[in-house]
Amino acid sequence: MADVSLEIRKVIFEKYNNPDIRFTNDEIFEILQQNNSIDKSLVIDDVEKYFTDLCDAGLMRNIAQNFTTQYFKLFDDVEKIKCNSCNVESPIGKSEPRVCPACRASI
């Protein structure tokens, strides 16, 4: 199964790539399940740590929470950047440090 954090980044890039749009962990989780991008045995609580990691990385910020639903906004637009080390194209926020989410190499 693919890296959950990278799969979340892909959904954000494709569906919510605008700092003015808010989105929820529930919306992204539902898309990941529909696309078979994550293990079907995972529940929303299992992926909470990935959303926290993406906030800590500087991609997005938590703007509100209602029980288990978290609302987020991007800090900046997201762009796809190809890593020269691992050859993976990853969505990275324009204001994030230039580090590959797949292999952690500098971009």
N, C-alpha and C. Protein backbone atom coordinates (compact mmCIF):
# COMPACT_ATOMS: atom_id res chain seq x y z
N MET A 1 0.85 -1.19 0.00
CA MET A 1 0.00 0.00 0.00
C MET A 1 0.89 1.25 0.00
N ALA A 2 0.42 2.28 -0.62
CA ALA A 2 1.19 3.52 -0.78
C ALA A 2 1.34 4.26 0.55
N ASP A 3 2.27 5.19 0.57
CA ASP A 3 2.51 6.04 1.72
C ASP A 3 1.26 6.91 1.95
N VAL A 4 0.64 6.80 3.12
CA VAL A 4 -0.61 7.51 3.41
C VAL A 4 -0.44 9.02 3.31
N SER A 5 0.65 9.53 3.85
CA SER A 5 0.91 10.96 3.82
C SER A 5 1.00 11.47 2.37
N LEU A 6 1.69 10.72 1.53
CA LEU A 6 1.82 11.11 0.12
C LEU A 6 0.47 11.03 -0.59
N GLU A 7 -0.34 10.04 -0.26
CA GLU A 7 -1.68 9.92 -0.85
C GLU A 7 -2.56 11.10 -0.43
N ILE A 8 -2.45 11.54 0.82
CA ILE A 8 -3.21 12.71 1.28
C ILE A 8 -2.75 13.94 0.51
N ARG A 9 -1.45 14.09 0.32
CA ARG A 9 -0.91 15.22 -0.46
C ARG A 9 -1.48 15.23 -1.87
N LYS A 10 -1.58 14.06 -2.49
CA LYS A 10 -2.11 13.97 -3.85
C LYS A 10 -3.56 14.44 -3.92
N VAL A 11 -4.37 14.02 -2.94
CA VAL A 11 -5.77 14.44 -2.91
C VAL A 11 -5.86 15.95 -2.72
N ILE A 12 -5.06 16.49 -1.82
CA ILE A 12 -5.06 17.94 -1.59
C ILE A 12 -4.69 18.66 -2.88
N PHE A 13 -3.65 18.19 -3.56
CA PHE A 13 -3.21 18.81 -4.81
C PHE A 13 -4.32 18.79 -5.86
N GLU A 14 -4.99 17.66 -5.99
CA GLU A 14 -6.00 17.49 -7.04
C GLU A 14 -7.33 18.17 -6.73
N LYS A 15 -7.73 18.21 -5.45
CA LYS A 15 -9.08 18.69 -5.11
C LYS A 15 -9.14 20.00 -4.32
N TYR A 16 -8.10 20.30 -3.57
CA TYR A 16 -8.18 21.44 -2.64
C TYR A 16 -6.98 22.39 -2.77
N ASN A 17 -6.43 22.52 -3.95
CA ASN A 17 -5.21 23.30 -4.14
C ASN A 17 -5.50 24.79 -4.24
N ASN A 18 -5.98 25.36 -3.16
CA ASN A 18 -6.29 26.77 -3.08
C ASN A 18 -6.30 27.17 -1.61
N PRO A 19 -5.45 28.13 -1.22
CA PRO A 19 -5.39 28.53 0.20
C PRO A 19 -6.69 29.09 0.76
N ASP A 20 -7.63 29.46 -0.11
CA ASP A 20 -8.90 30.02 0.35
C ASP A 20 -9.97 28.97 0.60
N ILE A 21 -9.71 27.73 0.18
CA ILE A 21 -10.67 26.64 0.33
C ILE A 21 -10.39 25.89 1.63
N ARG A 22 -11.45 25.61 2.37
CA ARG A 22 -11.26 24.76 3.55
C ARG A 22 -11.71 23.34 3.19
N PHE A 23 -11.10 22.39 3.86
CA PHE A 23 -11.43 20.98 3.63
C PHE A 23 -11.29 20.25 4.94
N THR A 24 -11.85 19.04 5.00
CA THR A 24 -11.82 18.28 6.25
C THR A 24 -11.06 16.97 6.08
N ASN A 25 -10.63 16.44 7.20
CA ASN A 25 -10.00 15.12 7.20
C ASN A 25 -11.00 14.06 6.74
N ASP A 26 -12.28 14.24 7.07
CA ASP A 26 -13.31 13.28 6.66
C ASP A 26 -13.45 13.24 5.14
N GLU A 27 -13.43 14.41 4.50
CA GLU A 27 -13.54 14.47 3.03
C GLU A 27 -12.36 13.76 2.37
N ILE A 28 -11.18 14.03 2.86
CA ILE A 28 -9.99 13.41 2.27
C ILE A 28 -9.98 11.91 2.54
N PHE A 29 -10.34 11.51 3.74
CA PHE A 29 -10.39 10.09 4.08
C PHE A 29 -11.36 9.34 3.17
N GLU A 30 -12.52 9.95 2.92
CA GLU A 30 -13.52 9.32 2.04
C GLU A 30 -12.97 9.15 0.62
N ILE A 31 -12.28 10.17 0.11
CA ILE A 31 -11.68 10.08 -1.23
C ILE A 31 -10.62 8.99 -1.28
N LEU A 32 -9.79 8.92 -0.24
CA LEU A 32 -8.75 7.89 -0.19
C LEU A 32 -9.36 6.49 -0.22
N GLN A 33 -10.46 6.31 0.51
CA GLN A 33 -11.13 5.00 0.52
C GLN A 33 -11.77 4.69 -0.84
N GLN A 34 -12.41 5.68 -1.45
CA GLN A 34 -13.04 5.48 -2.75
C GLN A 34 -12.02 5.12 -3.83
N ASN A 35 -10.83 5.73 -3.74
CA ASN A 35 -9.78 5.50 -4.73
C ASN A 35 -8.94 4.26 -4.42
N ASN A 36 -9.27 3.57 -3.32
CA ASN A 36 -8.47 2.42 -2.86
C ASN A 36 -7.00 2.81 -2.64
N SER A 37 -6.79 4.01 -2.14
CA SER A 37 -5.44 4.53 -1.90
C SER A 37 -4.89 4.15 -0.53
N ILE A 38 -5.77 3.67 0.34
CA ILE A 38 -5.35 3.26 1.68
C ILE A 38 -5.97 1.90 2.00
N ASP A 39 -5.42 1.24 2.97
CA ASP A 39 -5.93 -0.05 3.42
C ASP A 39 -7.36 0.11 3.92
N LYS A 40 -8.25 -0.75 3.47
CA LYS A 40 -9.67 -0.67 3.84
C LYS A 40 -9.91 -0.87 5.33
N SER A 41 -8.95 -1.46 6.03
CA SER A 41 -9.14 -1.70 7.46
C SER A 41 -8.90 -0.43 8.30
N LEU A 42 -8.31 0.60 7.69
CA LEU A 42 -8.05 1.84 8.43
C LEU A 42 -9.35 2.59 8.70
N VAL A 43 -9.40 3.23 9.87
CA VAL A 43 -10.50 4.12 10.22
C VAL A 43 -9.95 5.53 10.34
N ILE A 44 -10.82 6.50 10.42
CA ILE A 44 -10.40 7.91 10.45
C ILE A 44 -9.38 8.19 11.56
N ASP A 45 -9.55 7.56 12.71
CA ASP A 45 -8.60 7.78 13.82
C ASP A 45 -7.19 7.29 13.49
N ASP A 46 -7.08 6.29 12.61
CA ASP A 46 -5.77 5.76 12.23
C ASP A 46 -4.96 6.73 11.38
N VAL A 47 -5.63 7.64 10.69
CA VAL A 47 -4.92 8.56 9.79
C VAL A 47 -4.73 9.95 10.39
N GLU A 48 -5.21 10.15 11.62
CA GLU A 48 -5.07 11.47 12.26
C GLU A 48 -3.62 11.92 12.34
N LYS A 49 -2.72 10.99 12.62
CA LYS A 49 -1.30 11.34 12.75
C LYS A 49 -0.72 11.89 11.45
N TYR A 50 -1.24 11.43 10.31
CA TYR A 50 -0.74 11.92 9.02
C TYR A 50 -1.16 13.36 8.78
N PHE A 51 -2.37 13.71 9.21
CA PHE A 51 -2.82 15.09 9.09
C PHE A 51 -2.00 16.00 10.01
N THR A 52 -1.71 15.51 11.21
CA THR A 52 -0.87 16.27 12.14
C THR A 52 0.52 16.48 11.55
N ASP A 53 1.08 15.43 10.96
CA ASP A 53 2.41 15.53 10.33
C ASP A 53 2.42 16.56 9.20
N LEU A 54 1.34 16.60 8.41
CA LEU A 54 1.27 17.56 7.30
C LEU A 54 1.14 18.99 7.81
N CYS A 55 0.48 19.17 8.96
CA CYS A 55 0.44 20.49 9.60
C CYS A 55 1.83 20.86 10.10
N ASP A 56 2.50 19.92 10.76
CA ASP A 56 3.85 20.17 11.28
C ASP A 56 4.84 20.46 10.17
N ALA A 57 4.63 19.87 8.98
CA ALA A 57 5.52 20.09 7.84
C ALA A 57 5.33 21.46 7.21
N GLY A 58 4.22 22.13 7.55
CA GLY A 58 3.98 23.46 7.01
C GLY A 58 3.12 23.49 5.75
N LEU A 59 2.51 22.35 5.39
CA LEU A 59 1.65 22.31 4.21
C LEU A 59 0.31 22.99 4.49
N MET A 60 -0.25 22.73 5.67
CA MET A 60 -1.60 23.22 5.98
C MET A 60 -1.70 23.51 7.47
N ARG A 61 -2.83 24.09 7.84
CA ARG A 61 -3.07 24.39 9.25
C ARG A 61 -4.47 23.96 9.63
N ASN A 62 -4.63 23.57 10.88
CA ASN A 62 -5.92 23.18 11.42
C ASN A 62 -6.64 24.46 11.82
N ILE A 63 -7.81 24.71 11.24
CA ILE A 63 -8.53 25.96 11.54
C ILE A 63 -9.73 25.75 12.47
N ALA A 64 -10.16 24.49 12.62
CA ALA A 64 -11.29 24.20 13.52
C ALA A 64 -11.39 22.70 13.71
N GLN A 65 -12.14 22.32 14.74
CA GLN A 65 -12.37 20.90 14.98
C GLN A 65 -13.74 20.72 15.62
N ASN A 66 -14.43 19.67 15.19
CA ASN A 66 -15.74 19.31 15.72
C ASN A 66 -15.71 17.81 15.96
N PHE A 67 -15.48 17.40 17.18
CA PHE A 67 -15.30 15.99 17.54
C PHE A 67 -14.12 15.42 16.74
N THR A 68 -14.34 14.46 15.85
CA THR A 68 -13.21 13.90 15.09
C THR A 68 -13.00 14.61 13.75
N THR A 69 -13.92 15.48 13.36
CA THR A 69 -13.75 16.21 12.10
C THR A 69 -12.83 17.40 12.31
N GLN A 70 -11.78 17.45 11.51
CA GLN A 70 -10.84 18.56 11.56
C GLN A 70 -10.96 19.34 10.25
N TYR A 71 -10.94 20.66 10.37
CA TYR A 71 -11.02 21.54 9.20
C TYR A 71 -9.64 22.15 8.97
N PHE A 72 -9.23 22.16 7.70
CA PHE A 72 -7.90 22.64 7.36
C PHE A 72 -7.96 23.66 6.24
N LYS A 73 -6.89 24.45 6.15
CA LYS A 73 -6.62 25.34 5.02
C LYS A 73 -5.14 25.23 4.71
N LEU A 74 -4.82 25.37 3.44
CA LEU A 74 -3.42 25.38 3.01
C LEU A 74 -2.79 26.70 3.37
N PHE A 75 -1.49 26.70 3.62
CA PHE A 75 -0.75 27.94 3.81
C PHE A 75 -0.53 28.62 2.46
N ASP A 76 -0.34 27.82 1.41
CA ASP A 76 0.01 28.33 0.10
C ASP A 76 -0.41 27.30 -0.95
N ASP A 77 -0.33 27.69 -2.23
CA ASP A 77 -0.61 26.74 -3.31
C ASP A 77 0.34 25.56 -3.22
N VAL A 78 -0.10 24.44 -3.79
CA VAL A 78 0.71 23.22 -3.83
C VAL A 78 1.14 22.99 -5.27
N GLU A 79 2.40 22.59 -5.45
CA GLU A 79 2.92 22.30 -6.78
C GLU A 79 3.57 20.92 -6.77
N LYS A 80 3.60 20.28 -7.92
CA LYS A 80 4.27 18.98 -8.02
C LYS A 80 5.73 19.22 -8.38
N ILE A 81 6.61 18.61 -7.60
CA ILE A 81 8.05 18.73 -7.81
C ILE A 81 8.64 17.34 -7.91
N LYS A 82 9.48 17.14 -8.91
CA LYS A 82 10.13 15.84 -9.10
C LYS A 82 11.46 15.82 -8.35
N CYS A 83 11.63 14.78 -7.56
CA CYS A 83 12.86 14.61 -6.78
C CYS A 83 13.92 13.96 -7.65
N ASN A 84 15.10 14.52 -7.67
CA ASN A 84 16.20 13.95 -8.46
C ASN A 84 16.79 12.71 -7.80
N SER A 85 16.59 12.55 -6.50
CA SER A 85 17.15 11.40 -5.78
C SER A 85 16.34 10.13 -5.99
N CYS A 86 15.01 10.22 -5.81
CA CYS A 86 14.18 9.02 -5.91
C CYS A 86 13.29 8.99 -7.15
N ASN A 87 13.30 10.09 -7.90
CA ASN A 87 12.56 10.18 -9.16
C ASN A 87 11.05 10.17 -8.96
N VAL A 88 10.56 10.52 -7.77
CA VAL A 88 9.13 10.57 -7.47
C VAL A 88 8.67 12.02 -7.59
N GLU A 89 7.50 12.21 -8.22
CA GLU A 89 6.91 13.54 -8.30
C GLU A 89 5.94 13.69 -7.14
N SER A 90 6.18 14.67 -6.26
CA SER A 90 5.39 14.83 -5.04
C SER A 90 4.78 16.22 -4.96
N PRO A 91 3.54 16.31 -4.47
CA PRO A 91 2.93 17.62 -4.21
C PRO A 91 3.54 18.25 -2.97
N ILE A 92 4.05 19.48 -3.14
CA ILE A 92 4.69 20.20 -2.03
C ILE A 92 4.16 21.63 -2.03
N GLY A 93 3.81 22.13 -0.85
CA GLY A 93 3.36 23.51 -0.73
C GLY A 93 4.49 24.47 -1.06
N LYS A 94 4.15 25.57 -1.71
CA LYS A 94 5.17 26.54 -2.13
C LYS A 94 5.94 27.12 -0.94
N SER A 95 5.32 27.16 0.23
CA SER A 95 6.00 27.71 1.40
C SER A 95 6.65 26.64 2.27
N GLU A 96 6.52 25.36 1.88
CA GLU A 96 7.16 24.27 2.63
C GLU A 96 8.65 24.20 2.33
N PRO A 97 9.44 23.65 3.26
CA PRO A 97 10.85 23.39 2.95
C PRO A 97 10.95 22.44 1.78
N ARG A 98 11.95 22.60 0.95
CA ARG A 98 12.14 21.78 -0.24
C ARG A 98 12.80 20.45 0.13
N VAL A 99 11.97 19.56 0.71
CA VAL A 99 12.40 18.23 1.10
C VAL A 99 11.41 17.25 0.50
N CYS A 100 11.90 16.20 -0.14
CA CYS A 100 11.05 15.21 -0.77
C CYS A 100 10.26 14.43 0.29
N PRO A 101 8.94 14.38 0.19
CA PRO A 101 8.15 13.62 1.16
C PRO A 101 8.37 12.11 1.05
N ALA A 102 8.82 11.65 -0.09
CA ALA A 102 9.02 10.22 -0.30
C ALA A 102 10.35 9.71 0.27
N CYS A 103 11.45 10.45 0.02
CA CYS A 103 12.77 9.94 0.45
C CYS A 103 13.52 10.88 1.39
N ARG A 104 12.95 12.04 1.66
CA ARG A 104 13.53 13.04 2.58
C ARG A 104 14.78 13.73 2.06
N ALA A 105 15.08 13.59 0.77
CA ALA A 105 16.25 14.27 0.17
C ALA A 105 15.90 15.73 -0.10
N SER A 106 16.90 16.58 -0.12
CA SER A 106 16.69 17.98 -0.48
C SER A 106 16.34 18.06 -1.96
N ILE A 107 15.41 18.96 -2.26
CA ILE A 107 15.01 19.14 -3.66
C ILE A 107 15.56 20.47 -4.15
